[in-house]
N, C-alpha and C. Protein backbone atom coordinates (compact mmCIF):
# COMPACT_ATOMS: atom_id res chain seq x y z
N MET A 1 -6.33 -10.89 8.76
CA MET A 1 -5.25 -10.17 9.43
C MET A 1 -3.94 -10.44 8.71
N VAL A 2 -3.07 -9.50 8.79
CA VAL A 2 -1.78 -9.59 8.13
C VAL A 2 -1.02 -10.81 8.64
N GLY A 3 -0.34 -11.48 7.74
CA GLY A 3 0.44 -12.66 8.08
C GLY A 3 1.53 -12.86 7.04
N LYS A 4 2.35 -13.87 7.25
CA LYS A 4 3.49 -14.16 6.37
C LYS A 4 3.08 -14.23 4.89
N ALA A 5 1.89 -14.76 4.61
CA ALA A 5 1.42 -14.90 3.23
C ALA A 5 1.19 -13.55 2.55
N CYS A 6 1.09 -12.47 3.32
CA CYS A 6 0.87 -11.13 2.75
C CYS A 6 2.15 -10.51 2.23
N GLU A 7 3.29 -11.04 2.67
CA GLU A 7 4.57 -10.47 2.24
C GLU A 7 4.76 -10.65 0.74
N GLY A 8 5.38 -9.65 0.12
CA GLY A 8 5.70 -9.77 -1.30
C GLY A 8 5.36 -8.52 -2.08
N ASP A 9 5.38 -8.69 -3.40
CA ASP A 9 5.14 -7.58 -4.31
C ASP A 9 3.76 -7.72 -4.95
N TRP A 10 3.04 -6.60 -4.97
CA TRP A 10 1.66 -6.56 -5.44
C TRP A 10 1.49 -5.38 -6.37
N GLU A 11 0.41 -5.39 -7.15
CA GLU A 11 0.15 -4.26 -8.05
C GLU A 11 -1.33 -3.95 -8.13
N TYR A 12 -1.62 -2.72 -8.55
CA TYR A 12 -2.99 -2.24 -8.72
C TYR A 12 -3.06 -1.60 -10.10
N ARG A 13 -3.91 -2.17 -10.96
CA ARG A 13 -4.06 -1.64 -12.32
C ARG A 13 -5.35 -0.84 -12.42
N THR A 14 -5.27 0.29 -13.11
CA THR A 14 -6.42 1.16 -13.32
C THR A 14 -6.29 1.89 -14.64
N ASP A 15 -7.42 2.29 -15.22
CA ASP A 15 -7.38 3.07 -16.47
C ASP A 15 -6.91 4.50 -16.20
N ARG A 16 -6.80 4.88 -14.94
CA ARG A 16 -6.40 6.25 -14.58
C ARG A 16 -4.90 6.50 -14.73
N ALA A 17 -4.14 5.44 -15.02
CA ALA A 17 -2.69 5.60 -15.18
C ALA A 17 -2.19 4.61 -16.23
N PRO A 18 -1.17 4.99 -16.97
CA PRO A 18 -0.64 4.11 -18.01
C PRO A 18 0.21 2.96 -17.46
N VAL A 19 0.53 3.02 -16.18
CA VAL A 19 1.37 2.00 -15.54
C VAL A 19 0.70 1.54 -14.24
N PRO A 20 0.94 0.29 -13.81
CA PRO A 20 0.33 -0.16 -12.55
C PRO A 20 1.03 0.43 -11.33
N VAL A 21 0.25 0.60 -10.27
CA VAL A 21 0.78 1.00 -8.97
C VAL A 21 1.45 -0.24 -8.38
N LYS A 22 2.63 -0.09 -7.82
CA LYS A 22 3.37 -1.22 -7.23
C LYS A 22 3.45 -1.05 -5.72
N ILE A 23 3.20 -2.13 -4.98
CA ILE A 23 3.41 -2.09 -3.53
C ILE A 23 4.22 -3.30 -3.09
N THR A 24 4.93 -3.13 -2.00
CA THR A 24 5.67 -4.22 -1.36
C THR A 24 5.26 -4.26 0.10
N VAL A 25 4.98 -5.46 0.58
CA VAL A 25 4.63 -5.66 1.99
C VAL A 25 5.74 -6.51 2.60
N LYS A 26 6.30 -6.06 3.72
CA LYS A 26 7.43 -6.74 4.34
C LYS A 26 7.30 -6.72 5.86
N LYS A 27 7.49 -7.88 6.48
CA LYS A 27 7.49 -7.99 7.95
C LYS A 27 8.81 -7.45 8.46
N PHE A 28 8.75 -6.59 9.46
CA PHE A 28 9.95 -6.06 10.10
C PHE A 28 10.14 -6.76 11.44
N ILE A 29 10.87 -6.15 12.32
CA ILE A 29 11.14 -6.72 13.64
C ILE A 29 9.88 -6.73 14.49
N GLY A 30 9.68 -7.81 15.22
CA GLY A 30 8.55 -7.90 16.14
C GLY A 30 7.22 -7.89 15.41
N ASP A 31 6.34 -6.97 15.78
CA ASP A 31 5.00 -6.90 15.22
C ASP A 31 4.85 -5.79 14.19
N ASP A 32 5.96 -5.28 13.67
CA ASP A 32 5.91 -4.17 12.72
C ASP A 32 5.97 -4.66 11.27
N TRP A 33 5.22 -3.98 10.42
CA TRP A 33 5.16 -4.27 8.99
C TRP A 33 5.39 -2.98 8.22
N MET A 34 6.05 -3.10 7.05
CA MET A 34 6.28 -1.96 6.17
C MET A 34 5.50 -2.19 4.88
N ILE A 35 4.80 -1.16 4.43
CA ILE A 35 4.10 -1.19 3.15
C ILE A 35 4.66 -0.03 2.34
N ALA A 36 5.31 -0.35 1.23
CA ALA A 36 5.87 0.67 0.35
C ALA A 36 5.06 0.70 -0.93
N CYS A 37 4.79 1.90 -1.43
CA CYS A 37 3.95 2.06 -2.62
C CYS A 37 4.61 3.05 -3.56
N MET A 38 4.53 2.74 -4.88
CA MET A 38 5.07 3.67 -5.86
C MET A 38 4.35 3.51 -7.19
N VAL A 39 4.01 4.65 -7.76
CA VAL A 39 3.56 4.69 -9.15
C VAL A 39 4.84 4.97 -9.93
N PRO A 40 5.23 4.10 -10.89
CA PRO A 40 6.47 4.37 -11.62
C PRO A 40 6.54 5.81 -12.14
N LYS A 41 7.69 6.43 -11.96
CA LYS A 41 7.98 7.84 -12.29
C LYS A 41 7.36 8.80 -11.28
N GLY A 42 6.83 8.26 -10.17
CA GLY A 42 6.20 9.09 -9.15
C GLY A 42 6.94 9.06 -7.84
N ASN A 43 6.24 9.43 -6.79
CA ASN A 43 6.82 9.49 -5.45
C ASN A 43 6.75 8.12 -4.76
N MET A 44 7.69 7.89 -3.87
CA MET A 44 7.69 6.70 -3.04
C MET A 44 6.91 7.03 -1.77
N MET A 45 5.94 6.19 -1.43
CA MET A 45 5.18 6.33 -0.19
C MET A 45 5.47 5.10 0.64
N HIS A 46 5.62 5.28 1.95
CA HIS A 46 5.73 4.08 2.77
C HIS A 46 5.08 4.29 4.13
N CYS A 47 4.51 3.20 4.61
CA CYS A 47 3.80 3.19 5.89
C CYS A 47 4.42 2.12 6.77
N MET A 48 4.43 2.39 8.05
CA MET A 48 4.78 1.38 9.04
C MET A 48 3.52 1.13 9.85
N VAL A 49 3.18 -0.14 10.02
CA VAL A 49 2.03 -0.51 10.84
C VAL A 49 2.48 -1.50 11.89
N ARG A 50 1.75 -1.55 12.98
CA ARG A 50 2.07 -2.44 14.09
C ARG A 50 0.85 -3.28 14.44
N GLU A 51 1.09 -4.59 14.59
CA GLU A 51 0.03 -5.49 15.05
C GLU A 51 -0.07 -5.36 16.56
N ALA A 52 -1.29 -5.13 17.05
CA ALA A 52 -1.50 -5.04 18.50
C ALA A 52 -2.92 -5.52 18.82
N GLU A 53 -3.00 -6.54 19.62
CA GLU A 53 -4.29 -7.07 20.07
C GLU A 53 -5.22 -7.39 18.91
N GLY A 54 -4.67 -8.03 17.87
CA GLY A 54 -5.48 -8.47 16.75
C GLY A 54 -5.85 -7.42 15.73
N THR A 55 -5.30 -6.21 15.87
CA THR A 55 -5.59 -5.15 14.90
C THR A 55 -4.29 -4.51 14.43
N LEU A 56 -4.38 -3.74 13.38
CA LEU A 56 -3.22 -2.99 12.88
C LEU A 56 -3.40 -1.52 13.20
N LYS A 57 -2.30 -0.90 13.57
CA LYS A 57 -2.31 0.54 13.81
C LYS A 57 -1.15 1.14 13.02
N GLN A 58 -1.47 2.13 12.18
CA GLN A 58 -0.43 2.80 11.40
C GLN A 58 0.35 3.71 12.33
N ILE A 59 1.67 3.53 12.34
CA ILE A 59 2.50 4.32 13.24
C ILE A 59 3.36 5.35 12.50
N LYS A 60 3.42 5.22 11.15
CA LYS A 60 4.25 6.15 10.40
C LYS A 60 3.79 6.17 8.94
N TYR A 61 3.82 7.35 8.32
CA TYR A 61 3.56 7.50 6.89
C TYR A 61 4.51 8.56 6.35
N ASN A 62 5.24 8.23 5.32
CA ASN A 62 6.16 9.18 4.68
C ASN A 62 6.00 9.11 3.17
N THR A 63 6.30 10.20 2.50
CA THR A 63 6.31 10.22 1.05
C THR A 63 7.40 11.17 0.57
N THR A 64 7.96 10.86 -0.58
CA THR A 64 8.90 11.80 -1.19
C THR A 64 8.08 12.92 -1.83
N ASP A 65 8.76 13.94 -2.30
CA ASP A 65 8.04 15.11 -2.81
C ASP A 65 8.63 15.58 -4.13
N LYS A 66 8.52 14.71 -5.14
CA LYS A 66 9.05 15.14 -6.42
C LYS A 66 7.91 15.52 -7.37
N GLU A 67 8.23 16.28 -8.39
CA GLU A 67 7.23 16.71 -9.36
C GLU A 67 6.78 15.50 -10.18
N LEU A 68 5.46 15.43 -10.42
CA LEU A 68 4.88 14.27 -11.09
C LEU A 68 4.55 14.53 -12.54
N PRO A 69 4.70 13.50 -13.37
CA PRO A 69 4.18 13.62 -14.74
C PRO A 69 2.65 13.69 -14.68
N VAL A 70 2.04 14.45 -15.54
CA VAL A 70 0.60 14.68 -15.50
C VAL A 70 -0.20 13.38 -15.61
N GLU A 71 0.32 12.39 -16.34
CA GLU A 71 -0.43 11.15 -16.57
C GLU A 71 -0.59 10.27 -15.33
N ILE A 72 0.18 10.52 -14.27
CA ILE A 72 0.02 9.71 -13.05
C ILE A 72 -0.48 10.53 -11.86
N MET A 73 -0.73 11.82 -12.04
CA MET A 73 -1.14 12.67 -10.91
C MET A 73 -2.40 12.15 -10.21
N GLU A 74 -3.41 11.79 -10.99
CA GLU A 74 -4.68 11.36 -10.38
C GLU A 74 -4.51 10.09 -9.56
N VAL A 75 -3.86 9.07 -10.12
CA VAL A 75 -3.72 7.82 -9.38
C VAL A 75 -2.78 7.97 -8.18
N GLU A 76 -1.76 8.80 -8.31
CA GLU A 76 -0.88 9.00 -7.15
C GLU A 76 -1.62 9.73 -6.03
N GLY A 77 -2.45 10.70 -6.37
CA GLY A 77 -3.26 11.38 -5.36
C GLY A 77 -4.21 10.41 -4.67
N LEU A 78 -4.81 9.51 -5.44
CA LEU A 78 -5.69 8.49 -4.89
C LEU A 78 -4.95 7.60 -3.89
N MET A 79 -3.76 7.17 -4.27
CA MET A 79 -2.97 6.29 -3.38
C MET A 79 -2.51 7.03 -2.13
N ALA A 80 -2.07 8.27 -2.28
CA ALA A 80 -1.63 9.06 -1.12
C ALA A 80 -2.78 9.25 -0.13
N ASP A 81 -3.97 9.60 -0.64
CA ASP A 81 -5.14 9.75 0.24
C ASP A 81 -5.47 8.44 0.94
N PHE A 82 -5.38 7.35 0.20
CA PHE A 82 -5.68 6.03 0.77
C PHE A 82 -4.73 5.70 1.93
N PHE A 83 -3.43 5.81 1.70
CA PHE A 83 -2.47 5.44 2.73
C PHE A 83 -2.44 6.43 3.90
N GLU A 84 -2.71 7.70 3.64
CA GLU A 84 -2.78 8.68 4.72
C GLU A 84 -3.94 8.39 5.67
N GLY A 85 -4.96 7.67 5.19
CA GLY A 85 -6.13 7.33 6.01
C GLY A 85 -5.81 6.41 7.18
N GLY A 86 -4.68 5.71 7.13
CA GLY A 86 -4.27 4.84 8.22
C GLY A 86 -4.69 3.40 8.00
N ILE A 87 -3.74 2.54 7.65
CA ILE A 87 -4.02 1.13 7.38
C ILE A 87 -4.49 0.45 8.66
N THR A 88 -5.62 -0.27 8.56
CA THR A 88 -6.16 -0.98 9.72
C THR A 88 -6.27 -2.48 9.49
N ASP A 89 -6.13 -2.94 8.23
CA ASP A 89 -6.21 -4.38 7.97
C ASP A 89 -5.56 -4.71 6.64
N ILE A 90 -4.92 -5.87 6.59
CA ILE A 90 -4.33 -6.41 5.37
C ILE A 90 -4.66 -7.90 5.36
N LYS A 91 -5.29 -8.37 4.27
CA LYS A 91 -5.66 -9.79 4.17
C LYS A 91 -5.30 -10.31 2.79
N ARG A 92 -4.71 -11.51 2.77
CA ARG A 92 -4.46 -12.17 1.49
C ARG A 92 -5.66 -13.05 1.19
N GLU A 93 -6.12 -12.97 -0.07
CA GLU A 93 -7.22 -13.79 -0.54
C GLU A 93 -6.78 -14.42 -1.86
N GLY A 94 -6.12 -15.56 -1.79
CA GLY A 94 -5.60 -16.21 -2.99
C GLY A 94 -4.51 -15.37 -3.63
N GLU A 95 -4.73 -14.94 -4.88
CA GLU A 95 -3.76 -14.13 -5.62
C GLU A 95 -3.99 -12.64 -5.41
N SER A 96 -4.85 -12.29 -4.44
CA SER A 96 -5.18 -10.89 -4.18
C SER A 96 -4.81 -10.49 -2.75
N LEU A 97 -4.58 -9.20 -2.57
CA LEU A 97 -4.30 -8.64 -1.24
C LEU A 97 -5.28 -7.50 -1.02
N ARG A 98 -6.08 -7.61 0.04
CA ARG A 98 -7.08 -6.59 0.37
C ARG A 98 -6.54 -5.74 1.52
N ILE A 99 -6.42 -4.43 1.26
CA ILE A 99 -5.91 -3.50 2.29
C ILE A 99 -7.04 -2.54 2.65
N THR A 100 -7.26 -2.37 3.95
CA THR A 100 -8.25 -1.42 4.45
C THR A 100 -7.51 -0.25 5.09
N SER A 101 -7.92 0.96 4.69
CA SER A 101 -7.28 2.18 5.20
C SER A 101 -8.32 3.29 5.20
N GLY A 102 -8.48 3.95 6.32
CA GLY A 102 -9.43 5.06 6.41
C GLY A 102 -10.86 4.65 6.08
N GLY A 103 -11.22 3.40 6.39
CA GLY A 103 -12.56 2.91 6.12
C GLY A 103 -12.80 2.50 4.67
N LYS A 104 -11.79 2.60 3.82
CA LYS A 104 -11.91 2.20 2.40
C LYS A 104 -11.06 0.96 2.15
N GLU A 105 -11.42 0.21 1.13
CA GLU A 105 -10.66 -0.97 0.76
C GLU A 105 -10.13 -0.86 -0.66
N MET A 106 -8.95 -1.42 -0.87
CA MET A 106 -8.38 -1.56 -2.21
C MET A 106 -7.88 -2.98 -2.33
N VAL A 107 -8.00 -3.53 -3.55
CA VAL A 107 -7.55 -4.90 -3.79
C VAL A 107 -6.40 -4.85 -4.80
N PHE A 108 -5.29 -5.44 -4.40
CA PHE A 108 -4.08 -5.52 -5.23
C PHE A 108 -3.91 -6.97 -5.68
N THR A 109 -3.29 -7.16 -6.83
CA THR A 109 -3.03 -8.51 -7.32
C THR A 109 -1.54 -8.82 -7.23
N LEU A 110 -1.23 -10.09 -7.17
CA LEU A 110 0.15 -10.53 -7.07
C LEU A 110 0.92 -10.04 -8.28
N ASP A 111 2.08 -9.44 -8.05
CA ASP A 111 2.96 -8.95 -9.11
C ASP A 111 3.84 -10.11 -9.52
N LYS A 112 3.61 -10.64 -10.70
CA LYS A 112 4.33 -11.86 -11.14
C LYS A 112 5.52 -11.53 -12.01
């Protein structure tokens, strides 16, 4: 479950893009958390999730709408689909962060 150790900057590297996907996880007021995601030169995506009874519920998802360079279109589409699915869990595992959304999981590494 999401906790203080999940806060920070993380990245996801793939051969599908020349640059890593960057995310930031931040605790907000009360039981709310913000997850912001961006592929450099792409759109900013952000989600708000709320902890309730031991689970996470996504309460908001927004994205900017700018034209993308062709080299990041595939990975940005992948990330948008992932976050639109609705985040249900975030767990830190050492230097990794496992996020579950829409029944799928992605693993991000600590951005050093």
